[in-house]
Amino acid sequence: MQQLSRQRTILYLAFLVVVWGVNWPLSKSALQFAPPLLFAGLRTLIGGIILIAIALPTYKRIRLRDNWPIYLISSVLNIILYYGLQTVGLKYLPAGLFSSIVFLQPVLLGIFSWLWLGELMYGLKIIGLLLGFLGVGVISVSGGSGEFSLAGVLLAIGSAISWALGTIYMKKNAARTDTVWVVALQITIGGVALLLSGSAYEQWSAIDWNLSFVSNLLFISVFVIALGWLVYFKLVGSGEASKVGSFTFLIPLIAILFSVAFMGETITLKLVAGLLLIVASIVIVNTKPKLLRSRDTANPAAPVGSAANR
């Protein structure tokens, strides 16, 4: 995949952090007016249809016969499990707290990138990973903002794991697929699956189609789902997965600020301590020791995970 310029990378990261941060309190608000699975299915299916409409002129790039397993598996990991667990979990925990646990994902991404993508692992990273797990423990055990639910914590962790695995899978198969089509199809497939599940276990009559709900649904579908996932995988495909993941620590902070400002949620010292540990862990995980930086400077052409970098 073509490398992004520094300016475009910064712009994409800023967009992603803001819209994915705002997503959490908006989703929490929308769940007052719709059952979780139906809401998750609606927002993902609308987002997928938008991307398919954008990608239609390049339909020959789909190569369905060769790539259908990629579309299906990425849909299960990145959409069905990620959004299904996330949307149900928001019923049990405040949006800010839930998003904080889910954004352990960059730490998990560092582990998985080492195991399956050949990215570097060293002592400083291990310390960072331990801090990340400690931070999640502090938030989970304390209940963060005063509302503790074991079910909510487990759903948040499951959401983080599925997202990390989905990112690794997409990165490994980036060269085989067109970015727009793989994002469009995984979102659409996931949206259909979530809607079918919601239709089986929930009632469409339970949806209150008021202005607030419709506005939130459309904003999330267009900016968070369609454009957000497209930007995310463009970033992942153009650089190291763990480096891209390191910037997403800002997302739960944005989510908490919006949750406090507009949804009346509170911030406690334990929640702040847990967040600081998670932020510190992600920064440390993605900081190379001086020896490795010197080695990279001496041999810049060596690929990540090559013998020259080990």
C-alpha atoms as a PDB file:
ATOM      1  CA  MET A   1       0.000   0.000   0.000  1.00  0.00           C
ATOM      2  CA  GLN A   2       1.242   3.506  -0.816  1.00  0.00           C
ATOM      3  CA  GLN A   3       2.832   5.393   2.076  1.00  0.00           C
ATOM      4  CA  LEU A   4       0.891   8.412   3.319  1.00  0.00           C
ATOM      5  CA  SER A   5       2.579  11.812   3.554  1.00  0.00           C
ATOM      6  CA  ARG A   6       3.291  13.168   7.038  1.00  0.00           C
ATOM      7  CA  GLN A   7       0.646  15.893   6.634  1.00  0.00           C
ATOM      8  CA  ARG A   8      -2.018  13.446   5.517  1.00  0.00           C
ATOM      9  CA  THR A   9      -1.118  11.017   8.294  1.00  0.00           C
ATOM     10  CA  ILE A  10      -1.527  13.764  10.901  1.00  0.00           C
ATOM     11  CA  LEU A  11      -4.845  14.836   9.374  1.00  0.00           C
ATOM     12  CA  TYR A  12      -6.159  11.266   9.284  1.00  0.00           C
ATOM     13  CA  LEU A  13      -5.095  10.615  12.877  1.00  0.00           C
ATOM     14  CA  ALA A  14      -6.735  13.840  14.108  1.00  0.00           C
ATOM     15  CA  PHE A  15      -9.972  12.980  12.321  1.00  0.00           C
ATOM     16  CA  LEU A  16      -9.961   9.436  13.676  1.00  0.00           C
ATOM     17  CA  VAL A  17      -9.277  10.443  17.273  1.00  0.00           C
ATOM     18  CA  VAL A  18     -12.074  13.027  17.307  1.00  0.00           C
ATOM     19  CA  VAL A  19     -14.839  11.034  15.593  1.00  0.00           C
ATOM     20  CA  TRP A  20     -14.062   7.768  17.379  1.00  0.00           C
ATOM     21  CA  GLY A  21     -13.862   9.624  20.677  1.00  0.00           C
ATOM     22  CA  VAL A  22     -17.233  11.289  20.167  1.00  0.00           C
ATOM     23  CA  ASN A  23     -18.685   7.930  19.104  1.00  0.00           C
ATOM     24  CA  TRP A  24     -18.792   6.539  22.647  1.00  0.00           C
ATOM     25  CA  PRO A  25     -21.060   9.115  24.323  1.00  0.00           C
ATOM     26  CA  LEU A  26     -23.175   9.374  21.148  1.00  0.00           C
ATOM     27  CA  SER A  27     -23.679   5.592  21.109  1.00  0.00           C
ATOM     28  CA  LYS A  28     -24.483   5.595  24.823  1.00  0.00           C
ATOM     29  CA  SER A  29     -27.097   8.291  24.176  1.00  0.00           C
ATOM     30  CA  ALA A  30     -28.593   6.483  21.173  1.00  0.00           C
ATOM     31  CA  LEU A  31     -29.030   3.290  23.216  1.00  0.00           C
ATOM     32  CA  GLN A  32     -31.724   5.093  25.216  1.00  0.00           C
ATOM     33  CA  PHE A  33     -33.902   4.878  22.117  1.00  0.00           C
ATOM     34  CA  ALA A  34     -33.000   1.524  20.512  1.00  0.00           C
ATOM     35  CA  PRO A  35     -32.079  -2.060  21.503  1.00  0.00           C
ATOM     36  CA  PRO A  36     -28.301  -2.675  21.249  1.00  0.00           C
ATOM     37  CA  LEU A  37     -28.092  -5.245  18.435  1.00  0.00           C
ATOM     38  CA  LEU A  38     -30.565  -3.460  16.180  1.00  0.00           C
ATOM     39  CA  PHE A  39     -28.742  -0.179  16.734  1.00  0.00           C
ATOM     40  CA  ALA A  40     -25.361  -1.805  16.000  1.00  0.00           C
ATOM     41  CA  GLY A  41     -26.770  -3.399  12.849  1.00  0.00           C
ATOM     42  CA  LEU A  42     -28.373  -0.205  11.585  1.00  0.00           C
ATOM     43  CA  ARG A  43     -25.281   1.964  11.991  1.00  0.00           C
ATOM     44  CA  THR A  44     -22.919  -0.564  10.408  1.00  0.00           C
ATOM     45  CA  LEU A  45     -25.205  -1.473   7.507  1.00  0.00           C
ATOM     46  CA  ILE A  46     -25.803   2.184   6.624  1.00  0.00           C
ATOM     47  CA  GLY A  47     -22.052   2.818   6.773  1.00  0.00           C
ATOM     48  CA  GLY A  48     -21.361  -0.201   4.571  1.00  0.00           C
ATOM     49  CA  ILE A  49     -23.908   0.826   1.954  1.00  0.00           C
ATOM     50  CA  ILE A  50     -22.361   4.303   1.797  1.00  0.00           C
ATOM     51  CA  LEU A  51     -18.903   2.824   1.150  1.00  0.00           C
ATOM     52  CA  ILE A  52     -20.230   0.384  -1.469  1.00  0.00           C
ATOM     53  CA  ALA A  53     -21.830   3.304  -3.313  1.00  0.00           C
ATOM     54  CA  ILE A  54     -18.478   5.117  -3.259  1.00  0.00           C
ATOM     55  CA  ALA A  55     -16.577   2.033  -4.448  1.00  0.00           C
ATOM     56  CA  LEU A  56     -18.963   0.869  -7.205  1.00  0.00           C
ATOM     57  CA  PRO A  57     -16.920   2.338 -10.099  1.00  0.00           C
ATOM     58  CA  THR A  58     -14.079   0.001  -9.092  1.00  0.00           C
ATOM     59  CA  TYR A  59     -16.194  -3.160  -8.668  1.00  0.00           C
ATOM     60  CA  LYS A  60     -13.651  -5.283 -10.582  1.00  0.00           C
ATOM     61  CA  ARG A  61     -11.295  -4.990  -7.634  1.00  0.00           C
ATOM     62  CA  ILE A  62     -13.596  -7.066  -5.420  1.00  0.00           C
ATOM     63  CA  ARG A  63     -12.260 -10.432  -6.707  1.00  0.00           C
ATOM     64  CA  LEU A  64     -14.891 -12.223  -4.654  1.00  0.00           C
ATOM     65  CA  ARG A  65     -13.832 -15.744  -5.623  1.00  0.00           C
ATOM     66  CA  ASP A  66     -10.312 -15.191  -4.288  1.00  0.00           C
ATOM     67  CA  ASN A  67     -10.974 -12.840  -1.385  1.00  0.00           C
ATOM     68  CA  TRP A  68     -14.306 -13.897   0.139  1.00  0.00           C
ATOM     69  CA  PRO A  69     -12.606 -15.547   3.191  1.00  0.00           C
ATOM     70  CA  ILE A  70     -10.846 -12.250   3.948  1.00  0.00           C
ATOM     71  CA  TYR A  71     -14.111 -10.320   3.745  1.00  0.00           C
ATOM     72  CA  LEU A  72     -15.862 -12.831   6.007  1.00  0.00           C
ATOM     73  CA  ILE A  73     -13.184 -13.227   8.680  1.00  0.00           C
ATOM     74  CA  SER A  74     -12.467  -9.495   8.898  1.00  0.00           C
ATOM     75  CA  SER A  75     -16.193  -8.876   9.207  1.00  0.00           C
ATOM     76  CA  VAL A  76     -16.492 -11.312  12.129  1.00  0.00           C
ATOM     77  CA  LEU A  77     -13.520  -9.800  14.001  1.00  0.00           C
ATOM     78  CA  ASN A  78     -13.841  -6.082  13.215  1.00  0.00           C
ATOM     79  CA  ILE A  79     -17.615  -5.674  13.013  1.00  0.00           C
ATOM     80  CA  ILE A  80     -19.754  -8.527  14.348  1.00  0.00           C
ATOM     81  CA  LEU A  81     -17.742  -9.232  17.518  1.00  0.00           C
ATOM     82  CA  TYR A  82     -16.304  -5.751  18.004  1.00  0.00           C
ATOM     83  CA  TYR A  83     -19.550  -3.813  17.620  1.00  0.00           C
ATOM     84  CA  GLY A  84     -21.782  -6.564  19.008  1.00  0.00           C
ATOM     85  CA  LEU A  85     -19.817  -6.843  22.255  1.00  0.00           C
ATOM     86  CA  GLN A  86     -19.320  -3.082  22.401  1.00  0.00           C
ATOM     87  CA  THR A  87     -22.956  -2.138  21.931  1.00  0.00           C
ATOM     88  CA  VAL A  88     -24.238  -4.661  24.474  1.00  0.00           C
ATOM     89  CA  GLY A  89     -21.452  -3.709  26.891  1.00  0.00           C
ATOM     90  CA  LEU A  90     -22.428  -0.033  26.876  1.00  0.00           C
ATOM     91  CA  LYS A  91     -25.625  -1.116  28.639  1.00  0.00           C
ATOM     92  CA  TYR A  92     -23.536  -2.147  31.658  1.00  0.00           C
ATOM     93  CA  LEU A  93     -20.859   0.554  31.971  1.00  0.00           C
ATOM     94  CA  PRO A  94     -20.550   4.318  31.418  1.00  0.00           C
ATOM     95  CA  ALA A  95     -19.280   5.232  27.962  1.00  0.00           C
ATOM     96  CA  GLY A  96     -16.030   6.759  29.224  1.00  0.00           C
ATOM     97  CA  LEU A  97     -15.144   3.762  31.394  1.00  0.00           C
ATOM     98  CA  PHE A  98     -16.080   1.211  28.737  1.00  0.00           C
ATOM     99  CA  SER A  99     -14.035   2.969  26.062  1.00  0.00           C
ATOM    100  CA  SER A 100     -11.036   3.124  28.402  1.00  0.00           C
ATOM    101  CA  ILE A 101     -11.001  -0.658  28.720  1.00  0.00           C
ATOM    102  CA  VAL A 102     -11.586  -1.228  25.011  1.00  0.00           C
ATOM    103  CA  PHE A 103      -8.604   0.957  24.224  1.00  0.00           C
ATOM    104  CA  LEU A 104      -6.321  -1.560  25.824  1.00  0.00           C
ATOM    105  CA  GLN A 105      -6.406  -2.640  22.166  1.00  0.00           C
ATOM    106  CA  PRO A 106      -3.172  -0.793  21.250  1.00  0.00           C
ATOM    107  CA  VAL A 107      -1.323  -2.775  23.922  1.00  0.00           C
ATOM    108  CA  LEU A 108      -2.768  -6.041  22.621  1.00  0.00           C
ATOM    109  CA  LEU A 109      -1.908  -4.885  19.126  1.00  0.00           C
ATOM    110  CA  GLY A 110       1.726  -4.540  20.204  1.00  0.00           C
ATOM    111  CA  ILE A 111       1.748  -8.163  21.407  1.00  0.00           C
ATOM    112  CA  PHE A 112       0.017  -9.530  18.323  1.00  0.00           C
ATOM    113  CA  SER A 113       2.209  -7.472  15.983  1.00  0.00           C
ATOM    114  CA  TRP A 114       5.254  -9.065  17.608  1.00  0.00           C
ATOM    115  CA  LEU A 115       3.800 -12.583  17.368  1.00  0.00           C
ATOM    116  CA  TRP A 116       2.390 -12.459  13.851  1.00  0.00           C
ATOM    117  CA  LEU A 117       3.835  -9.464  12.000  1.00  0.00           C
ATOM    118  CA  GLY A 118       7.447  -9.713  13.160  1.00  0.00           C
ATOM    119  CA  GLU A 119       7.492  -6.276  14.786  1.00  0.00           C
ATOM    120  CA  LEU A 120      10.098  -5.724  17.492  1.00  0.00           C
ATOM    121  CA  MET A 121       9.707  -6.794  21.126  1.00  0.00           C
ATOM    122  CA  TYR A 122      12.143  -5.622  23.818  1.00  0.00           C
ATOM    123  CA  GLY A 123      12.338  -4.920  27.539  1.00  0.00           C
ATOM    124  CA  LEU A 124      10.836  -1.447  27.393  1.00  0.00           C
ATOM    125  CA  LYS A 125       7.837  -2.786  25.514  1.00  0.00           C
ATOM    126  CA  ILE A 126       7.313  -5.520  28.111  1.00  0.00           C
ATOM    127  CA  ILE A 127       7.305  -2.917  30.901  1.00  0.00           C
ATOM    128  CA  GLY A 128       4.786  -0.862  28.928  1.00  0.00           C
ATOM    129  CA  LEU A 129       2.534  -3.875  28.425  1.00  0.00           C
ATOM    130  CA  LEU A 130       2.563  -4.649  32.143  1.00  0.00           C
ATOM    131  CA  LEU A 131       1.621  -1.033  32.916  1.00  0.00           C
ATOM    132  CA  GLY A 132      -1.254  -1.289  30.450  1.00  0.00           C
ATOM    133  CA  PHE A 133      -2.686  -4.375  32.090  1.00  0.00           C
ATOM    134  CA  LEU A 134      -2.251  -2.750  35.507  1.00  0.00           C
ATOM    135  CA  GLY A 135      -4.150   0.305  34.298  1.00  0.00           C
ATOM    136  CA  VAL A 136      -7.067  -1.794  33.080  1.00  0.00           C
ATOM    137  CA  GLY A 137      -7.035  -3.629  36.401  1.00  0.00           C
ATOM    138  CA  VAL A 138      -7.233  -0.385  38.377  1.00  0.00           C
ATOM    139  CA  ILE A 139     -10.181   0.836  36.313  1.00  0.00           C
ATOM    140  CA  SER A 140     -12.002  -2.498  36.333  1.00  0.00           C
ATOM    141  CA  VAL A 141     -11.634  -3.321  40.026  1.00  0.00           C
ATOM    142  CA  SER A 142     -12.525   0.187  41.154  1.00  0.00           C
ATOM    143  CA  GLY A 143     -15.414   0.525  38.770  1.00  0.00           C
ATOM    144  CA  GLY A 144     -13.846   3.727  37.455  1.00  0.00           C
ATOM    145  CA  SER A 145     -16.645   6.265  37.649  1.00  0.00           C
ATOM    146  CA  GLY A 146     -18.631   4.409  40.306  1.00  0.00           C
ATOM    147  CA  GLU A 147     -20.559   1.873  38.208  1.00  0.00           C
ATOM    148  CA  PHE A 148     -18.875  -1.548  38.232  1.00  0.00           C
ATOM    149  CA  SER A 149     -20.154  -4.494  36.215  1.00  0.00           C
ATOM    150  CA  LEU A 150     -18.110  -7.659  35.642  1.00  0.00           C
ATOM    151  CA  ALA A 151     -20.175  -8.408  32.534  1.00  0.00           C
ATOM    152  CA  GLY A 152     -19.425  -4.942  31.160  1.00  0.00           C
ATOM    153  CA  VAL A 153     -15.687  -5.314  31.813  1.00  0.00           C
ATOM    154  CA  LEU A 154     -15.552  -8.737  30.112  1.00  0.00           C
ATOM    155  CA  LEU A 155     -17.501  -7.433  27.107  1.00  0.00           C
ATOM    156  CA  ALA A 156     -15.089  -4.489  26.820  1.00  0.00           C
ATOM    157  CA  ILE A 157     -12.041  -6.783  26.951  1.00  0.00           C
ATOM    158  CA  GLY A 158     -13.614  -9.085  24.355  1.00  0.00           C
ATOM    159  CA  SER A 159     -14.237  -6.071  22.137  1.00  0.00           C
ATOM    160  CA  ALA A 160     -10.566  -5.021  22.473  1.00  0.00           C
ATOM    161  CA  ILE A 161      -9.294  -8.518  21.616  1.00  0.00           C
ATOM    162  CA  SER A 162     -11.496  -8.876  18.533  1.00  0.00           C
ATOM    163  CA  TRP A 163     -10.439  -5.426  17.263  1.00  0.00           C
ATOM    164  CA  ALA A 164      -6.730  -6.186  17.767  1.00  0.00           C
ATOM    165  CA  LEU A 165      -7.002  -9.547  15.992  1.00  0.00           C
ATOM    166  CA  GLY A 166      -9.003  -7.948  13.181  1.00  0.00           C
ATOM    167  CA  THR A 167      -6.361  -5.256  12.693  1.00  0.00           C
ATOM    168  CA  ILE A 168      -3.562  -7.840  12.493  1.00  0.00           C
ATOM    169  CA  TYR A 169      -5.567  -9.923  10.029  1.00  0.00           C
ATOM    170  CA  MET A 170      -6.234  -6.906   7.806  1.00  0.00           C
ATOM    171  CA  LYS A 171      -2.578  -5.869   7.922  1.00  0.00           C
ATOM    172  CA  LYS A 172      -1.408  -9.357   6.902  1.00  0.00           C
ATOM    173  CA  ASN A 173      -3.800  -9.407   3.936  1.00  0.00           C
ATOM    174  CA  ALA A 174      -3.527  -5.742   2.874  1.00  0.00           C
ATOM    175  CA  ALA A 175      -1.641  -6.553  -0.322  1.00  0.00           C
ATOM    176  CA  ARG A 176      -4.333  -8.975  -1.513  1.00  0.00           C
ATOM    177  CA  THR A 177      -7.332  -6.648  -1.297  1.00  0.00           C
ATOM    178  CA  ASP A 178      -8.518  -3.158  -2.208  1.00  0.00           C
ATOM    179  CA  THR A 179      -8.806  -1.095   0.985  1.00  0.00           C
ATOM    180  CA  VAL A 180     -12.160   0.522   0.167  1.00  0.00           C
ATOM    181  CA  TRP A 181     -13.784  -2.741  -0.878  1.00  0.00           C
ATOM    182  CA  VAL A 182     -12.538  -4.814   2.043  1.00  0.00           C
ATOM    183  CA  VAL A 183     -13.752  -2.159   4.493  1.00  0.00           C
ATOM    184  CA  ALA A 184     -17.088  -1.714   2.669  1.00  0.00           C
ATOM    185  CA  LEU A 185     -17.846  -5.438   2.466  1.00  0.00           C
ATOM    186  CA  GLN A 186     -16.810  -6.319   6.008  1.00  0.00           C
ATOM    187  CA  ILE A 187     -18.978  -3.502   7.369  1.00  0.00           C
ATOM    188  CA  THR A 188     -21.944  -4.500   5.195  1.00  0.00           C
ATOM    189  CA  ILE A 189     -21.676  -8.212   6.051  1.00  0.00           C
ATOM    190  CA  GLY A 190     -21.334  -7.357   9.719  1.00  0.00           C
ATOM    191  CA  GLY A 191     -24.300  -4.990   9.571  1.00  0.00           C
ATOM    192  CA  VAL A 192     -26.538  -7.653   8.034  1.00  0.00           C
ATOM    193  CA  ALA A 193     -25.462 -10.222  10.648  1.00  0.00           C
ATOM    194  CA  LEU A 194     -26.089  -7.816  13.528  1.00  0.00           C
ATOM    195  CA  LEU A 195     -29.494  -6.815  12.145  1.00  0.00           C
ATOM    196  CA  LEU A 196     -30.533 -10.459  11.762  1.00  0.00           C
ATOM    197  CA  SER A 197     -29.444 -11.166  15.344  1.00  0.00           C
ATOM    198  CA  GLY A 198     -31.266  -8.089  16.573  1.00  0.00           C
ATOM    199  CA  SER A 199     -34.415  -9.033  14.671  1.00  0.00           C
ATOM    200  CA  ALA A 200     -34.363 -12.481  16.276  1.00  0.00           C
ATOM    201  CA  TYR A 201     -33.877 -11.323  19.878  1.00  0.00           C
ATOM    202  CA  GLU A 202     -35.146  -7.734  19.935  1.00  0.00           C
ATOM    203  CA  GLN A 203     -38.207  -5.783  18.829  1.00  0.00           C
ATOM    204  CA  TRP A 204     -38.144  -3.201  16.027  1.00  0.00           C
ATOM    205  CA  SER A 205     -41.086  -1.498  17.742  1.00  0.00           C
ATOM    206  CA  ALA A 206     -38.741  -0.692  20.646  1.00  0.00           C
ATOM    207  CA  ILE A 207     -36.873   1.852  18.491  1.00  0.00           C
ATOM    208  CA  ASP A 208     -37.897   5.450  19.142  1.00  0.00           C
ATOM    209  CA  TRP A 209     -37.211   7.237  15.830  1.00  0.00           C
ATOM    210  CA  ASN A 210     -36.902  10.695  17.353  1.00  0.00           C
ATOM    211  CA  LEU A 211     -34.653  13.484  16.028  1.00  0.00           C
ATOM    212  CA  SER A 212     -31.888  12.841  18.565  1.00  0.00           C
ATOM    213  CA  PHE A 213     -31.674   9.140  17.704  1.00  0.00           C
ATOM    214  CA  VAL A 214     -31.788   9.657  13.932  1.00  0.00           C
ATOM    215  CA  SER A 215     -29.141  12.402  14.102  1.00  0.00           C
ATOM    216  CA  ASN A 216     -26.814  10.237  16.184  1.00  0.00           C
ATOM    217  CA  LEU A 217     -27.412   7.240  13.920  1.00  0.00           C
ATOM    218  CA  LEU A 218     -26.577   9.168  10.741  1.00  0.00           C
ATOM    219  CA  PHE A 219     -23.485  10.845  12.220  1.00  0.00           C
ATOM    220  CA  ILE A 220     -22.123   7.538  13.518  1.00  0.00           C
ATOM    221  CA  SER A 221     -22.927   5.698  10.274  1.00  0.00           C
ATOM    222  CA  VAL A 222     -21.199   8.246   8.025  1.00  0.00           C
ATOM    223  CA  PHE A 223     -18.267   9.548  10.068  1.00  0.00           C
ATOM    224  CA  VAL A 224     -17.544   6.858  12.671  1.00  0.00           C
ATOM    225  CA  ILE A 225     -18.305   3.707  10.674  1.00  0.00           C
ATOM    226  CA  ALA A 226     -17.815   4.466   6.966  1.00  0.00           C
ATOM    227  CA  LEU A 227     -15.096   7.120   7.018  1.00  0.00           C
ATOM    228  CA  GLY A 228     -13.578   6.135  10.373  1.00  0.00           C
ATOM    229  CA  TRP A 229     -12.836   2.513   9.442  1.00  0.00           C
ATOM    230  CA  LEU A 230     -11.614   3.525   5.993  1.00  0.00           C
ATOM    231  CA  VAL A 231      -9.147   6.008   7.500  1.00  0.00           C
ATOM    232  CA  TYR A 232      -8.068   3.544  10.193  1.00  0.00           C
ATOM    233  CA  PHE A 233      -7.150   0.784   7.757  1.00  0.00           C
ATOM    234  CA  LYS A 234      -5.457   3.226   5.394  1.00  0.00           C
ATOM    235  CA  LEU A 235      -3.243   4.227   8.311  1.00  0.00           C
ATOM    236  CA  VAL A 236      -2.598   0.623   9.372  1.00  0.00           C
ATOM    237  CA  GLY A 237      -1.857  -0.445   5.816  1.00  0.00           C
ATOM    238  CA  SER A 238       0.652   2.351   5.254  1.00  0.00           C
ATOM    239  CA  GLY A 239       2.745   1.845   8.408  1.00  0.00           C
ATOM    240  CA  GLU A 240       3.481  -0.382  11.391  1.00  0.00           C
ATOM    241  CA  ALA A 241       0.265  -1.518  13.087  1.00  0.00           C
ATOM    242  CA  SER A 242       1.648  -0.931  16.593  1.00  0.00           C
ATOM    243  CA  LYS A 243       2.729   2.640  15.729  1.00  0.00           C
ATOM    244  CA  VAL A 244      -0.739   3.522  14.442  1.00  0.00           C
ATOM    245  CA  GLY A 245      -2.243   1.907  17.510  1.00  0.00           C
ATOM    246  CA  SER A 246      -0.129   4.072  19.794  1.00  0.00           C
ATOM    247  CA  PHE A 247      -2.047   7.207  18.825  1.00  0.00           C
ATOM    248  CA  THR A 248      -5.456   5.778  19.667  1.00  0.00           C
ATOM    249  CA  PHE A 249      -4.819   6.273  23.400  1.00  0.00           C
ATOM    250  CA  LEU A 250      -6.251   9.760  22.861  1.00  0.00           C
ATOM    251  CA  ILE A 251      -9.659   8.348  21.916  1.00  0.00           C
ATOM    252  CA  PRO A 252     -10.848   7.313  25.415  1.00  0.00           C
ATOM    253  CA  LEU A 253      -9.708  10.680  26.737  1.00  0.00           C
ATOM    254  CA  ILE A 254     -11.894  12.431  24.141  1.00  0.00           C
ATOM    255  CA  ALA A 255     -14.726  10.044  25.004  1.00  0.00           C
ATOM    256  CA  ILE A 256     -14.485  10.826  28.718  1.00  0.00           C
ATOM    257  CA  LEU A 257     -14.388  14.583  28.122  1.00  0.00           C
ATOM    258  CA  PHE A 258     -17.535  14.426  25.988  1.00  0.00           C
ATOM    259  CA  SER A 259     -19.208  12.013  28.425  1.00  0.00           C
ATOM    260  CA  VAL A 260     -18.531  14.374  31.317  1.00  0.00           C
ATOM    261  CA  ALA A 261     -19.568  17.475  29.368  1.00  0.00           C
ATOM    262  CA  PHE A 262     -22.795  16.167  27.826  1.00  0.00           C
ATOM    263  CA  MET A 263     -23.911  13.030  29.719  1.00  0.00           C
ATOM    264  CA  GLY A 264     -23.275  13.950  33.336  1.00  0.00           C
ATOM    265  CA  GLU A 265     -20.684  11.240  33.966  1.00  0.00           C
ATOM    266  CA  THR A 266     -18.056  11.816  36.629  1.00  0.00           C
ATOM    267  CA  ILE A 267     -14.279  11.411  36.834  1.00  0.00           C
ATOM    268  CA  THR A 268     -12.701   9.846  39.944  1.00  0.00           C
ATOM    269  CA  LEU A 269      -9.051   9.673  41.000  1.00  0.00           C
ATOM    270  CA  LYS A 270      -8.980   5.902  40.378  1.00  0.00           C
ATOM    271  CA  LEU A 271     -10.276   6.326  36.842  1.00  0.00           C
ATOM    272  CA  VAL A 272      -7.668   9.012  36.179  1.00  0.00           C
ATOM    273  CA  ALA A 273      -4.918   6.786  37.640  1.00  0.00           C
ATOM    274  CA  GLY A 274      -5.976   3.879  35.446  1.00  0.00           C
ATOM    275  CA  LEU A 275      -6.079   6.057  32.362  1.00  0.00           C
ATOM    276  CA  LEU A 276      -2.632   7.482  33.084  1.00  0.00           C
ATOM    277  CA  LEU A 277      -1.221   3.980  33.400  1.00  0.00           C
ATOM    278  CA  ILE A 278      -2.776   2.956  30.085  1.00  0.00           C
ATOM    279  CA  VAL A 279      -1.510   6.093  28.352  1.00  0.00           C
ATOM    280  CA  ALA A 280       1.983   5.589  29.805  1.00  0.00           C
ATOM    281  CA  SER A 281       1.987   1.968  28.705  1.00  0.00           C
ATOM    282  CA  ILE A 282       1.119   2.790  25.110  1.00  0.00           C
ATOM    283  CA  VAL A 283       3.727   5.547  24.910  1.00  0.00           C
ATOM    284  CA  ILE A 284       6.401   3.231  26.342  1.00  0.00           C
ATOM    285  CA  VAL A 285       5.401   0.325  24.095  1.00  0.00           C
ATOM    286  CA  ASN A 286       6.023   2.484  21.053  1.00  0.00           C
ATOM    287  CA  THR A 287       9.258   4.140  22.225  1.00  0.00           C
ATOM    288  CA  LYS A 288      12.368   2.459  20.833  1.00  0.00           C
ATOM    289  CA  PRO A 289      15.491   2.249  23.005  1.00  0.00           C
ATOM    290  CA  LYS A 290      18.451   4.350  21.836  1.00  0.00           C
ATOM    291  CA  LEU A 291      20.377   1.256  20.661  1.00  0.00           C
ATOM    292  CA  LEU A 292      17.550   0.184  18.355  1.00  0.00           C
ATOM    293  CA  ARG A 293      17.117   3.710  17.000  1.00  0.00           C
ATOM    294  CA  SER A 294      20.843   3.826  16.202  1.00  0.00           C
ATOM    295  CA  ARG A 295      20.611   0.455  14.483  1.00  0.00           C
ATOM    296  CA  ASP A 296      17.655   1.606  12.370  1.00  0.00           C
ATOM    297  CA  THR A 297      19.562   4.742  11.389  1.00  0.00           C
ATOM    298  CA  ALA A 298      22.559   2.667  10.365  1.00  0.00           C
ATOM    299  CA  ASN A 299      20.417   0.290   8.282  1.00  0.00           C
ATOM    300  CA  PRO A 300      17.197   2.124   7.318  1.00  0.00           C
ATOM    301  CA  ALA A 301      16.393  -0.275   4.459  1.00  0.00           C
ATOM    302  CA  ALA A 302      15.994  -3.309   6.711  1.00  0.00           C
ATOM    303  CA  PRO A 303      12.338  -4.303   7.028  1.00  0.00           C
ATOM    304  CA  VAL A 304      10.624  -4.645  10.365  1.00  0.00           C
ATOM    305  CA  GLY A 305      11.242  -8.082  11.800  1.00  0.00           C
ATOM    306  CA  SER A 306      14.248  -8.777   9.538  1.00  0.00           C
ATOM    307  CA  ALA A 307      17.476 -10.298  10.831  1.00  0.00           C
ATOM    308  CA  ALA A 308      19.060  -6.822  10.854  1.00  0.00           C
ATOM    309  CA  ASN A 309      16.477  -5.605  13.337  1.00  0.00           C
ATOM    310  CA  ARG A 310      16.495  -8.537  15.734  1.00  0.00           C
END
